[in-house]
Protein backbone atom coordinates (compact mmCIF):
# COMPACT_ATOMS: atom_id res chain seq x y z
CA UNK A 1 13.95 -0.92 42.33
CA UNK A 2 16.58 -1.13 39.66
CA UNK A 3 19.79 -3.14 39.64
CA UNK A 4 21.88 -0.12 40.61
CA UNK A 5 20.06 0.22 43.94
CA UNK A 6 20.55 -3.49 44.64
CA UNK A 7 24.27 -3.16 43.86
CA UNK A 8 24.51 -0.23 46.28
CA UNK A 9 22.80 -2.27 49.01
CA UNK A 10 25.18 -5.16 48.36
CA UNK A 11 28.12 -2.77 48.67
CA UNK A 12 26.70 -1.55 51.99
CA UNK A 13 26.37 -5.13 53.21
CA UNK A 14 29.96 -5.86 52.18
CA UNK A 15 31.15 -2.78 54.07
CA UNK A 16 29.22 -3.92 57.15
CA UNK A 17 30.75 -7.41 56.98
CA UNK A 18 34.26 -5.99 56.49
CA UNK A 19 33.76 -3.79 59.56
CA UNK A 20 32.41 -6.64 61.69
CA UNK A 21 34.29 -8.03 64.66
CA UNK A 22 34.30 -11.46 62.95
CA UNK A 23 35.91 -10.23 59.74
CA UNK A 24 38.47 -8.06 61.51
CA UNK A 25 39.51 -10.98 63.73
CA UNK A 26 39.72 -13.29 60.73
CA UNK A 27 41.96 -10.84 58.83
CA UNK A 28 44.18 -10.43 61.90
CA UNK A 29 44.59 -14.20 62.27
CA UNK A 30 45.14 -14.57 58.53
CA UNK A 31 48.01 -12.07 58.65
CA UNK A 32 49.59 -13.93 61.56
CA UNK A 33 49.30 -17.26 59.76
CA UNK A 34 50.82 -15.74 56.61
CA UNK A 35 54.03 -15.21 58.59
CA UNK A 36 54.61 -18.98 58.78
CA UNK A 37 54.32 -20.39 55.23
CA UNK A 38 54.88 -24.01 56.31
CA UNK A 39 52.18 -23.86 58.96
CA UNK A 40 49.86 -22.06 56.56
CA UNK A 41 50.39 -24.82 53.99
CA UNK A 42 49.48 -27.47 56.59
CA UNK A 43 46.37 -25.58 57.66
CA UNK A 44 45.24 -25.03 54.07
CA UNK A 45 45.84 -28.69 53.20
CA UNK A 46 43.70 -29.68 56.20
CA UNK A 47 40.96 -27.23 55.16
CA UNK A 48 41.06 -28.55 51.60
CA UNK A 49 40.80 -32.16 52.76
CA UNK A 50 37.96 -31.26 55.12
CA UNK A 51 36.06 -29.43 52.36
CA UNK A 52 36.54 -32.35 49.98
CA UNK A 53 35.29 -34.85 52.56
CA UNK A 54 32.17 -32.79 53.29
CA UNK A 55 31.30 -32.57 49.61
CA UNK A 56 32.01 -36.14 48.53
CA UNK A 57 29.04 -38.27 49.47
CA UNK A 58 29.01 -41.99 48.98
CA UNK A 59 32.70 -42.61 49.54
CA UNK A 60 33.44 -46.12 50.75
CA UNK A 61 36.24 -44.86 52.99
CA UNK A 62 34.32 -41.89 54.44
CA UNK A 63 34.67 -43.10 58.04
CA UNK A 64 38.44 -43.56 57.70
CA UNK A 65 38.82 -40.14 56.06
CA UNK A 66 36.77 -38.53 58.84
CA UNK A 67 38.91 -40.24 61.48
CA UNK A 68 42.10 -39.05 59.80
CA UNK A 69 40.78 -35.49 59.60
CA UNK A 70 39.81 -35.62 63.27
CA UNK A 71 43.38 -36.63 64.18
CA UNK A 72 44.82 -33.87 61.97
CA UNK A 73 42.47 -31.33 63.53
CA UNK A 74 43.50 -32.29 67.06
CA UNK A 75 47.18 -32.05 66.13
CA UNK A 76 46.86 -28.72 64.34
CA UNK A 77 44.65 -27.18 67.03
CA UNK A 78 47.35 -27.77 69.64
CA UNK A 79 49.01 -24.77 68.06
CA UNK A 80 47.35 -21.62 69.51
CA UNK A 81 47.92 -19.73 66.25
CA UNK A 82 46.13 -22.39 64.20
CA UNK A 83 43.36 -22.65 66.77
CA UNK A 84 42.79 -18.88 66.70
CA UNK A 85 42.77 -18.84 62.89
CA UNK A 86 40.30 -21.73 62.57
CA UNK A 87 38.05 -20.22 65.27
CA UNK A 88 38.08 -16.85 63.49
CA UNK A 89 37.33 -18.52 60.16
CA UNK A 90 34.42 -20.43 61.71
CA UNK A 91 32.97 -17.25 63.25
CA UNK A 92 33.15 -15.48 59.88
CA UNK A 93 31.55 -18.46 58.11
CA UNK A 94 28.71 -18.48 60.65
CA UNK A 95 28.14 -14.77 60.03
CA UNK A 96 28.02 -15.41 56.28
CA UNK A 97 25.59 -18.30 56.82
CA UNK A 98 23.28 -16.06 58.86
CA UNK A 99 23.32 -13.49 56.06
CA UNK A 100 22.56 -16.10 53.40
CA UNK A 101 19.73 -17.59 55.48
CA UNK A 102 18.15 -14.19 56.07
CA UNK A 103 18.35 -13.27 52.38
CA UNK A 104 17.00 -16.64 51.26
CA UNK A 105 14.15 -16.60 53.79
CA UNK A 106 13.28 -13.02 52.88
CA UNK A 107 12.96 -13.74 49.17
CA UNK A 108 10.26 -16.45 49.51
CA UNK A 109 11.35 -18.41 46.46
CA UNK A 110 10.09 -21.97 46.26
CA UNK A 111 12.99 -24.38 46.10
CA UNK A 112 12.22 -28.09 45.74
CA UNK A 113 13.61 -30.40 48.39
CA UNK A 114 16.11 -33.03 47.38
């Protein structure tokens, strides 16, 4: 199988994801959030902080940062629009994780454990 066939299959997978219930809901919630730039900025700052915390191991203040993020999450999720957006984002991320797991498991490449 040449690279062109693989590219075509990837394009088909992308089309399938873009037509999924998860992606369509995410895009709908994204459009709604775009209508409130201040709220969007707060949500994106929270997401950025959360991502940073999850990827910074060995921080001395990790517990305090996690507690602060938990408080921010509770406050933001009181807003139904934010809650719907974050839920839609999570559903799409889980779909993407399933795809990555299936591809990785199907390839049978030996990856050393860390």
